């Protein structure tokens, strides 16, 4: 069944168009191949060029991030070393400054102990006087008369020896008691000397510990100066950790500021009005935000004047008198704002109570609203006023994590950009390879459309190559005949 439309064609026409199109595609094969190859090669070159540009940008960014990271690490290491040297200098001046006096005390105690030792030394007992008498008696000649005399002399010597022995023992006991008293008196000196030596040992041990800390910081500082990979990895890990901690603290502070905002938003609406709006935002909400921002600003200036943070180095380098003036002014502003918030919290509780009574009266519950009161009203009131005074003071500490967030954010965000650029460069390389392969696929599909003419062409070329040896042999034979061979 044929279609009766103006564009209806029979199968012969389709066949003619197919054959004609195939012949046209075959004749345009070489130019079409060159055009398609140039197109996809252009895509490939452009994508590769973009990938190389991104890779170079990543390398430049990595080098810049590395320089910034090492500079921050060097500054932190210098501060740590300066702090350690200041601490050890203060320790030496405070604890070891009196070492000459302590040394003199130890020398005096040692000299006193030496004197006491000399005094407690045991003196040898002198020989008894009767030894010479015994020798004299022993040298006399033997005889009856001499024997009686000798016996009498020996008895006197014996009695004298006993008496002398008693006197000697009494003297020895007395001297021993005196020596023991001297040795006993030496005990406090020994203890004091031992305490002094232990004290010196503890101080020297503290110096050794601080010296080890200085050695650790110095080794870290040398690694940072040398720019080693170990120091870079340590600084990068430390920066990421500090960034996450600072971000967490900032999030907590944001929650506190949000709570503080709702604590003073209602009474601010009574002060500045709840009808006026600026850009769709209530003026009361903007006023509450301004108060919170002023509190944070006053806290930042207070910590800057105390040299705790260094967001504004100019404040820390000012004269002490000017810096003290800024510190006092910031503290006064902060206390005034905190007191204002406490008053606003009190006002909020009163407004909330009035609104509650109004709703109760409109609902016909006036008696219940009046009887409800007492200590249950003062507890939330005191809590609101306390929070209204404490929250502004707590928000002043946001300057510390804010400083860490700004310092480490440069390195962390730079590292994230490195990862993004590397991923984009890899993606562009993959697209470039895909474009080249797609070009090959398109060329192959083009040849597939003209497969029949290409097959005929290959058969003709094959037949021609097969006939070339026969024709050359026939030509040589004809040439030989013409030469007469």
Protein backbone atom coordinates (compact mmCIF):
# COMPACT_ATOMS: atom_id res chain seq x y z
CA UNK A 1 0.00 0.00 0.00
CA UNK A 2 1.50 3.31 -1.10
CA UNK A 3 1.12 6.60 0.67
CA UNK A 4 -0.67 9.34 -1.23
CA UNK A 5 1.36 12.30 0.02
CA UNK A 6 3.28 14.94 -1.92
CA UNK A 7 6.54 13.69 -0.48
CA UNK A 8 5.86 9.96 -0.93
CA UNK A 9 8.70 8.22 -2.77
CA UNK A 10 8.94 4.70 -4.06
CA UNK A 11 11.71 2.28 -3.21
CA UNK A 12 13.65 2.96 -6.40
CA UNK A 13 13.97 6.61 -5.49
CA UNK A 14 15.21 5.68 -2.02
CA UNK A 15 17.73 3.33 -3.58
CA UNK A 16 18.98 6.06 -5.92
CA UNK A 17 19.31 8.50 -3.02
CA UNK A 18 21.13 5.91 -0.92
CA UNK A 19 23.56 5.07 -3.69
CA UNK A 20 24.06 8.74 -4.55
CA UNK A 21 24.64 9.70 -0.93
CA UNK A 22 27.08 6.83 -0.46
CA UNK A 23 29.01 7.88 -3.56
CA UNK A 24 29.10 11.49 -2.38
CA UNK A 25 30.32 10.44 1.07
CA UNK A 26 32.94 8.22 -0.53
CA UNK A 27 34.19 10.99 -2.79
CA UNK A 28 34.33 13.41 0.19
CA UNK A 29 36.02 10.85 2.46
CA UNK A 30 39.47 12.45 2.64
CA UNK A 31 38.30 16.05 3.22
CA UNK A 32 35.67 14.85 5.69
CA UNK A 33 38.29 12.83 7.60
CA UNK A 34 40.62 15.82 7.73
CA UNK A 35 37.81 18.13 8.90
CA UNK A 36 36.57 15.73 11.59
CA UNK A 37 40.11 14.96 12.73
CA UNK A 38 40.93 18.68 12.91
CA UNK A 39 37.73 19.34 14.88
CA UNK A 40 38.30 16.65 17.50
CA UNK A 41 42.04 17.40 17.67
CA UNK A 42 41.09 21.01 18.38
CA UNK A 43 38.81 19.87 21.18
CA UNK A 44 41.58 17.65 22.53
CA UNK A 45 44.21 20.40 22.37
CA UNK A 46 41.90 22.95 24.01
CA UNK A 47 40.99 20.61 26.84
CA UNK A 48 44.62 19.61 27.37
CA UNK A 49 45.67 23.26 27.36
CA UNK A 50 43.00 24.09 29.93
CA UNK A 51 44.08 21.11 32.04
CA UNK A 52 47.72 22.22 31.96
CA UNK A 53 46.71 25.77 32.85
CA UNK A 54 44.73 24.52 35.84
CA UNK A 55 47.63 22.29 36.85
CA UNK A 56 50.05 25.23 36.71
CA UNK A 57 47.60 27.32 38.73
CA UNK A 58 47.38 24.52 41.27
CA UNK A 59 51.17 24.36 41.55
CA UNK A 60 51.43 28.13 41.97
CA UNK A 61 48.66 28.07 44.58
CA UNK A 62 50.34 25.16 46.39
CA UNK A 63 53.64 27.06 46.45
CA UNK A 64 51.91 30.17 47.74
CA UNK A 65 50.02 28.19 50.39
CA UNK A 66 53.28 26.53 51.41
CA UNK A 67 55.00 29.91 51.82
CA UNK A 68 52.10 31.29 53.86
CA UNK A 69 51.95 28.15 56.01
CA UNK A 70 55.69 28.20 56.70
CA UNK A 71 55.58 31.93 57.46
CA UNK A 72 52.78 31.43 59.97
CA UNK A 73 54.58 28.45 61.48
CA UNK A 74 57.82 30.43 61.73
CA UNK A 75 56.01 33.28 63.46
CA UNK A 76 54.35 30.88 65.90
CA UNK A 77 57.65 29.09 66.57
CA UNK A 78 59.36 32.43 67.22
CA UNK A 79 56.65 33.35 69.70
CA UNK A 80 57.01 29.98 71.44
CA UNK A 81 60.79 30.35 71.65
CA UNK A 82 60.47 33.91 72.91
CA UNK A 83 58.02 32.74 75.55
CA UNK A 84 60.30 29.89 76.66
CA UNK A 85 63.34 32.18 76.86
CA UNK A 86 61.32 34.73 78.81
CA UNK A 87 60.12 32.04 81.22
CA UNK A 88 63.60 30.61 81.76
CA UNK A 89 65.03 34.12 82.20
CA UNK A 90 62.38 34.89 84.79
CA UNK A 91 63.04 31.55 86.45
CA UNK A 92 66.78 32.22 86.63
CA UNK A 93 66.26 35.71 88.02
CA UNK A 94 63.65 34.57 90.54
CA UNK A 95 64.91 31.19 91.68
CA UNK A 96 68.60 31.15 90.83
CA UNK A 97 69.22 34.83 91.53
CA UNK A 98 69.71 33.96 95.21
CA UNK A 99 72.08 31.11 94.41
CA UNK A 100 75.20 33.00 95.70
CA UNK A 101 73.45 33.53 99.03
CA UNK A 102 72.42 29.87 99.06
CA UNK A 103 75.97 28.85 98.20
CA UNK A 104 77.29 30.97 101.07
CA UNK A 105 74.80 29.35 103.44
CA UNK A 106 75.87 25.90 102.29
CA UNK A 107 79.54 26.79 102.79
CA UNK A 108 78.82 28.12 106.29
CA UNK A 109 76.89 24.99 107.15
CA UNK A 110 79.69 22.79 105.82
CA UNK A 111 82.26 24.76 107.86
CA UNK A 112 80.06 24.46 110.95
CA UNK A 113 79.71 20.73 110.42
CA UNK A 114 83.48 20.40 109.97
CA UNK A 115 84.08 22.28 113.23
CA UNK A 116 81.59 20.08 115.03
CA UNK A 117 83.25 16.99 113.58
CA UNK A 118 86.60 18.21 114.86
CA UNK A 119 85.09 18.83 118.28
CA UNK A 120 83.45 15.42 118.33
CA UNK A 121 86.67 13.61 117.51
CA UNK A 122 87.72 11.12 120.19
CA UNK A 123 90.99 12.11 121.94
CA UNK A 124 93.30 9.17 122.87
CA UNK A 125 93.58 8.53 126.62
CA UNK A 126 96.98 9.35 128.10
CA UNK A 127 99.06 6.55 129.54
CA UNK A 128 98.59 6.06 133.33
CA UNK A 129 101.32 7.33 135.68
CA UNK A 130 101.82 3.99 137.43
CA UNK A 131 103.38 2.37 134.35
CA UNK A 132 106.73 3.99 135.13
CA UNK A 133 106.46 2.88 138.76
CA UNK A 134 105.84 -0.70 137.65
CA UNK A 135 108.87 -0.58 135.39
CA UNK A 136 110.98 0.76 138.28
CA UNK A 137 109.79 -2.01 140.62
CA UNK A 138 110.43 -4.58 137.96
CA UNK A 139 114.02 -3.37 137.64
CA UNK A 140 114.82 -3.87 141.39
CA UNK A 141 116.87 -6.86 142.49
CA UNK A 142 115.13 -9.82 144.00
CA UNK A 143 115.39 -10.41 147.75
CA UNK A 144 113.34 -10.78 150.90
CA UNK A 145 113.72 -7.21 151.84
CA UNK A 146 113.09 -6.04 148.32
CA UNK A 147 110.11 -8.40 148.01
CA UNK A 148 108.34 -6.80 150.96
CA UNK A 149 109.04 -3.37 149.60
CA UNK A 150 107.91 -4.42 146.12
CA UNK A 151 104.72 -5.91 147.50
CA UNK A 152 103.93 -2.72 149.34
CA UNK A 153 104.67 -0.62 146.28
CA UNK A 154 102.55 -2.88 144.07
CA UNK A 155 99.64 -2.60 146.47
CA UNK A 156 99.88 1.17 146.33
CA UNK A 157 100.15 1.02 142.54
CA UNK A 158 97.11 -1.27 142.40
CA UNK A 159 95.00 1.05 144.51
CA UNK A 160 96.24 4.03 142.48
CA UNK A 161 95.41 2.20 139.22
CA UNK A 162 91.88 1.42 140.38
CA UNK A 163 91.31 5.03 141.36
CA UNK A 164 92.84 6.30 138.13
CA UNK A 165 90.70 3.85 136.15
CA UNK A 166 87.56 5.20 137.82
CA UNK A 167 88.63 8.79 137.12
CA UNK A 168 89.48 7.92 133.51
CA UNK A 169 86.12 6.22 132.91
CA UNK A 170 84.28 9.17 134.40
CA UNK A 171 86.24 11.57 132.21
CA UNK A 172 85.64 9.36 129.14
CA UNK A 173 81.90 9.22 129.77
CA UNK A 174 81.79 12.96 130.22
CA UNK A 175 83.72 13.58 127.01
CA UNK A 176 81.59 11.01 125.11
CA UNK A 177 78.46 12.73 126.33
CA UNK A 178 79.86 16.07 125.15
CA UNK A 179 80.75 14.57 121.75
CA UNK A 180 77.27 13.07 121.41
CA UNK A 181 75.78 16.45 122.27
CA UNK A 182 77.89 18.04 119.54
CA UNK A 183 76.82 15.36 117.03
CA UNK A 184 73.20 15.79 118.05
CA UNK A 185 73.51 19.54 117.53
CA UNK A 186 74.79 18.82 114.00
CA UNK A 187 71.48 17.19 112.97
CA UNK A 188 69.62 20.45 112.10
CA UNK A 189 72.60 21.56 110.03
CA UNK A 190 72.63 18.25 108.18
CA UNK A 191 68.91 18.54 107.49
CA UNK A 192 69.23 22.15 106.37
CA UNK A 193 72.15 21.23 104.14
CA UNK A 194 70.22 18.31 102.65
CA UNK A 195 67.21 20.59 102.05
CA UNK A 196 69.43 23.18 100.38
CA UNK A 197 71.00 20.55 98.14
CA UNK A 198 67.57 19.14 97.24
CA UNK A 199 66.32 22.63 96.49
CA UNK A 200 69.26 23.26 94.19
CA UNK A 201 68.63 19.90 92.53
CA UNK A 202 64.96 20.71 91.92
CA UNK A 203 65.87 24.07 90.42
CA UNK A 204 68.49 22.50 88.19
CA UNK A 205 65.97 19.83 87.17
CA UNK A 206 63.52 22.59 86.23
CA UNK A 207 66.23 24.24 84.14
CA UNK A 208 66.91 20.91 82.39
CA UNK A 209 63.19 20.48 81.65
CA UNK A 210 62.90 23.98 80.24
CA UNK A 211 66.07 23.43 78.23
CA UNK A 212 64.54 20.31 76.70
CA UNK A 213 61.44 22.30 75.79
CA UNK A 214 63.64 24.94 74.18
CA UNK A 215 65.49 22.22 72.25
CA UNK A 216 62.16 20.84 71.00
CA UNK A 217 60.95 24.27 69.89
CA UNK A 218 64.34 25.01 68.32
CA UNK A 219 64.29 21.75 66.33
CA UNK A 220 60.77 22.59 65.13
CA UNK A 221 61.90 26.10 64.22
CA UNK A 222 64.88 24.74 62.26
CA UNK A 223 62.60 22.34 60.35
CA UNK A 224 60.30 25.22 59.47
CA UNK A 225 63.21 27.39 58.34
CA UNK A 226 64.51 24.49 56.21
CA UNK A 227 61.02 23.97 54.78
CA UNK A 228 61.00 20.20 55.23
CA UNK A 229 58.01 18.09 54.25
CA UNK A 230 57.66 16.92 57.85
CA UNK A 231 57.29 20.49 59.09
CA UNK A 232 54.82 21.30 56.31
CA UNK A 233 52.67 18.27 57.12
CA UNK A 234 52.72 19.09 60.83
CA UNK A 235 51.78 22.73 60.20
CA UNK A 236 49.01 21.74 57.80
CA UNK A 237 47.54 19.25 60.27
CA UNK A 238 47.77 21.84 63.06
CA UNK A 239 46.12 24.49 60.87
CA UNK A 240 43.23 22.17 59.97
CA UNK A 241 42.74 21.22 63.63
CA UNK A 242 42.79 24.83 64.81
CA UNK A 243 40.45 25.85 61.98
CA UNK A 244 37.88 23.20 62.91
CA UNK A 245 38.09 24.02 66.62
CA UNK A 246 37.77 27.76 65.94
CA UNK A 247 34.85 27.09 63.60
CA UNK A 248 33.13 25.04 66.29
CA UNK A 249 33.65 27.77 68.90
CA UNK A 250 32.40 30.41 66.46
CA UNK A 251 29.30 28.28 65.84
CA UNK A 252 28.69 28.05 69.60
CA UNK A 253 29.20 31.82 69.92
CA UNK A 254 26.75 32.36 67.05
CA UNK A 255 24.18 30.30 68.94
CA UNK A 256 24.79 32.44 72.03
CA UNK A 257 24.41 35.61 69.98
CA UNK A 258 21.17 34.24 68.49
CA UNK A 259 19.82 33.56 71.98
CA UNK A 260 20.98 36.99 73.12
CA UNK A 261 19.21 38.56 70.15
CA UNK A 262 15.88 36.98 71.06
CA UNK A 263 16.43 37.97 74.68
CA UNK A 264 16.47 41.69 73.86
CA UNK A 265 14.42 41.82 70.64
CA UNK A 266 11.04 42.12 72.41
CA UNK A 267 11.94 45.03 74.74
CA UNK A 268 13.72 46.80 71.85
CA UNK A 269 10.44 46.74 69.94
CA UNK A 270 8.90 48.73 72.79
CA UNK A 271 11.75 51.24 72.71
CA UNK A 272 12.14 51.88 68.96
CA UNK A 273 8.74 50.66 67.79
CA UNK A 274 7.66 47.44 66.16
CA UNK A 275 6.03 48.91 63.05
CA UNK A 276 8.94 50.57 61.24
CA UNK A 277 10.88 48.38 58.83
CA UNK A 278 14.04 48.82 56.79
CA UNK A 279 14.31 46.53 53.81
CA UNK A 280 11.65 44.24 55.20
CA UNK A 281 13.47 43.92 58.56
CA UNK A 282 12.09 45.35 61.77
CA UNK A 283 13.97 48.32 63.19
CA UNK A 284 13.84 46.65 66.62
CA UNK A 285 15.67 43.61 65.26
CA UNK A 286 18.29 45.84 63.65
CA UNK A 287 18.74 47.72 66.94
CA UNK A 288 19.24 44.43 68.80
CA UNK A 289 21.81 43.33 66.21
CA UNK A 290 23.61 46.67 66.55
CA UNK A 291 23.87 46.21 70.33
CA UNK A 292 25.27 42.68 69.92
CA UNK A 293 27.78 43.89 67.30
CA UNK A 294 28.85 46.71 69.62
CA UNK A 295 29.43 44.18 72.40
CA UNK A 296 31.57 42.00 70.14
CA UNK A 297 33.50 45.06 68.93
CA UNK A 298 34.13 46.25 72.49
CA UNK A 299 35.33 42.76 73.40
CA UNK A 300 37.71 42.70 70.43
CA UNK A 301 39.20 46.07 71.40
CA UNK A 302 39.49 44.95 75.02
CA UNK A 303 41.42 41.80 74.10
CA UNK A 304 43.54 43.76 71.61
CA UNK A 305 44.49 46.31 74.27
CA UNK A 306 45.38 43.43 76.61
CA UNK A 307 47.62 42.03 73.82
CA UNK A 308 45.82 38.70 73.91
CA UNK A 309 44.86 38.87 70.23
CA UNK A 310 46.58 40.54 67.28
CA UNK A 311 43.75 41.32 64.89
CA UNK A 312 44.85 44.98 64.96
CA UNK A 313 48.64 45.07 65.54
CA UNK A 314 48.53 48.87 65.72
CA UNK A 315 46.71 48.73 69.07
CA UNK A 316 49.28 46.37 70.57
CA UNK A 317 52.17 48.60 69.46
CA UNK A 318 50.70 51.77 70.96
CA UNK A 319 52.05 53.54 73.99
CA UNK A 320 51.07 51.90 77.28
CA UNK A 321 49.13 54.95 78.41
CA UNK A 322 47.03 55.08 75.23
CA UNK A 323 46.58 51.33 75.24
CA UNK A 324 45.45 51.43 78.88
CA UNK A 325 42.97 54.17 77.99
CA UNK A 326 41.52 52.05 75.18
CA UNK A 327 41.33 49.07 77.52
CA UNK A 328 39.45 51.01 80.21
CA UNK A 329 37.11 52.56 77.65
CA UNK A 330 36.31 49.19 76.07
CA UNK A 331 35.73 47.63 79.49
CA UNK A 332 33.40 50.48 80.51
CA UNK A 333 31.45 50.22 77.24
CA UNK A 334 31.18 46.47 77.68
CA UNK A 335 29.91 46.73 81.26
CA UNK A 336 27.41 49.43 80.27
CA UNK A 337 26.09 47.31 77.39
CA UNK A 338 25.88 44.23 79.63
CA UNK A 339 23.97 46.23 82.25
CA UNK A 340 21.69 47.56 79.52
CA UNK A 341 20.95 44.03 78.37
CA UNK A 342 20.19 42.99 81.94
CA UNK A 343 17.73 45.89 82.17
CA UNK A 344 16.22 44.90 78.81
CA UNK A 345 15.86 41.33 80.07
CA UNK A 346 13.99 42.67 83.11
CA UNK A 347 11.83 44.74 80.80
CA UNK A 348 11.21 41.70 78.61
CA UNK A 349 9.93 39.73 81.57
CA UNK A 350 7.57 42.59 82.49
CA UNK A 351 6.32 42.87 78.91
CA UNK A 352 5.81 39.11 78.72
CA UNK A 353 3.83 39.24 81.99
CA UNK A 354 1.67 42.09 80.70
CA UNK A 355 0.98 40.23 77.46
CA UNK A 356 0.11 37.11 79.43
CA UNK A 357 -2.31 39.06 81.63
CA UNK A 358 -3.82 40.69 78.55
CA UNK A 359 -4.43 37.34 76.89
CA UNK A 360 -5.85 35.95 80.13
CA UNK A 361 -8.19 38.91 80.53
CA UNK A 362 -9.35 38.60 76.96
CA UNK A 363 -9.99 34.91 77.53
CA UNK A 364 -11.94 35.57 80.72
CA UNK A 365 -9.25 34.16 83.05
CA UNK A 366 -8.47 37.34 84.98
CA UNK A 367 -8.75 35.76 88.42
CA UNK A 368 -6.33 32.99 87.55
CA UNK A 369 -3.87 35.46 86.05
CA UNK A 370 -3.93 37.59 89.17
CA UNK A 371 -3.45 34.72 91.59
CA UNK A 372 -0.53 33.33 89.59
CA UNK A 373 2.67 34.89 90.96
CA UNK A 374 5.19 34.67 93.75
CA UNK A 375 8.55 32.97 93.53
CA UNK A 376 7.71 31.41 90.17
CA UNK A 377 7.95 34.88 88.62
CA UNK A 378 11.26 35.86 90.23
CA UNK A 379 13.16 32.73 89.18
CA UNK A 380 12.83 33.32 85.39
CA UNK A 381 13.29 37.06 85.95
CA UNK A 382 16.59 36.51 87.77
CA UNK A 383 17.66 33.99 85.13
CA UNK A 384 16.89 36.41 82.28
CA UNK A 385 18.75 39.26 83.96
CA UNK A 386 21.75 37.04 84.72
CA UNK A 387 21.91 35.78 81.15
CA UNK A 388 21.46 39.32 79.87
CA UNK A 389 24.55 40.38 81.82
CA UNK A 390 26.74 37.28 81.25
CA UNK A 391 26.13 36.68 77.54
CA UNK A 392 27.71 40.00 76.43
CA UNK A 393 30.77 39.25 78.54
CA UNK A 394 30.98 35.75 77.05
CA UNK A 395 30.72 37.14 73.51
CA UNK A 396 33.88 39.17 74.10
CA UNK A 397 35.89 35.94 73.97
CA UNK A 398 34.83 35.38 70.36
CA UNK A 399 37.85 37.45 69.29
CA UNK A 400 40.25 34.60 70.16
CA UNK A 401 38.66 31.89 67.94
CA UNK A 402 37.99 34.56 65.31
CA UNK A 403 41.71 35.30 65.12
CA UNK A 404 42.54 31.60 64.79
CA UNK A 405 39.83 31.22 62.16
CA UNK A 406 41.25 34.06 60.08
CA UNK A 407 44.84 32.89 60.46
CA UNK A 408 44.22 29.25 59.58
CA UNK A 409 41.41 29.90 57.09
CA UNK A 410 43.90 31.11 54.47
CA UNK A 411 45.80 27.83 54.51
CA UNK A 412 42.74 25.57 54.81
CA UNK A 413 40.77 27.31 52.04
CA UNK A 414 43.91 27.36 49.88
CA UNK A 415 44.28 23.60 50.37
CA UNK A 416 40.63 23.11 49.38
CA UNK A 417 41.22 25.17 46.23
CA UNK A 418 44.22 22.98 45.46
CA UNK A 419 42.01 19.90 45.63
CA UNK A 420 39.34 21.54 43.45
CA UNK A 421 41.88 22.64 40.82
CA UNK A 422 43.48 19.20 40.78
CA UNK A 423 40.06 17.56 40.32
CA UNK A 424 39.16 19.97 37.49
CA UNK A 425 42.50 19.36 35.77
CA UNK A 426 41.97 15.60 35.99
CA UNK A 427 38.42 15.96 34.65
CA UNK A 428 39.64 18.05 31.70
CA UNK A 429 42.30 15.46 30.89
CA UNK A 430 39.64 12.77 30.92
CA UNK A 431 37.43 14.88 28.63
CA UNK A 432 40.39 15.45 26.29
CA UNK A 433 41.05 11.72 26.06
CA UNK A 434 37.32 11.13 25.52
CA UNK A 435 37.29 13.74 22.72
CA UNK A 436 40.18 12.01 20.95
CA UNK A 437 38.52 8.62 21.22
CA UNK A 438 35.20 10.10 20.11
CA UNK A 439 36.94 11.45 17.00
CA UNK A 440 38.18 7.97 16.18
CA UNK A 441 34.66 6.59 16.70
CA UNK A 442 33.13 9.23 14.39
CA UNK A 443 35.71 8.49 11.67
CA UNK A 444 35.03 4.78 11.99
CA UNK A 445 31.27 5.40 11.80
CA UNK A 446 31.82 7.56 8.69
CA UNK A 447 33.72 4.72 7.05
CA UNK A 448 30.94 2.36 8.09
CA UNK A 449 28.44 4.41 6.07
CA UNK A 450 30.55 3.97 2.94
CA UNK A 451 31.57 0.40 3.64
CA UNK A 452 30.46 -0.85 0.17
CA UNK A 453 32.59 1.62 -1.85
CA UNK A 454 35.53 1.03 0.47
CA UNK A 455 35.15 -2.72 -0.03
CA UNK A 456 35.09 -2.29 -3.80
CA UNK A 457 38.14 -0.02 -3.57
CA UNK A 458 40.03 -2.59 -1.50
CA UNK A 459 39.15 -5.36 -3.98
CA UNK A 460 40.36 -3.24 -6.90
CA UNK A 461 43.61 -2.43 -5.12
CA UNK A 462 44.11 -6.09 -4.25
CA UNK A 463 43.45 -7.17 -7.83
CA UNK A 464 45.82 -4.52 -9.08
CA UNK A 465 48.56 -5.68 -6.74
CA UNK A 466 48.05 -9.27 -7.91
CA UNK A 467 48.41 -8.29 -11.59
CA UNK A 468 51.50 -6.17 -11.10
CA UNK A 469 53.94 -9.20 -11.01
CA UNK A 470 52.33 -10.72 -14.16
CA UNK A 471 52.53 -7.44 -16.06
CA UNK A 472 56.12 -6.91 -15.03
CA UNK A 473 57.05 -10.46 -16.18
CA UNK A 474 55.29 -9.96 -19.50
CA UNK A 475 57.09 -6.66 -19.98
CA UNK A 476 60.49 -8.25 -19.35
CA UNK A 477 59.76 -11.05 -21.83
CA UNK A 478 58.72 -8.60 -24.52
CA UNK A 479 61.83 -6.56 -23.89
CA UNK A 480 63.99 -9.68 -24.25
CA UNK A 481 62.41 -10.54 -27.61
CA UNK A 482 63.05 -7.09 -28.94
CA UNK A 483 66.71 -7.40 -27.99
CA UNK A 484 67.11 -10.68 -29.86
CA UNK A 485 67.57 -13.04 -27.00
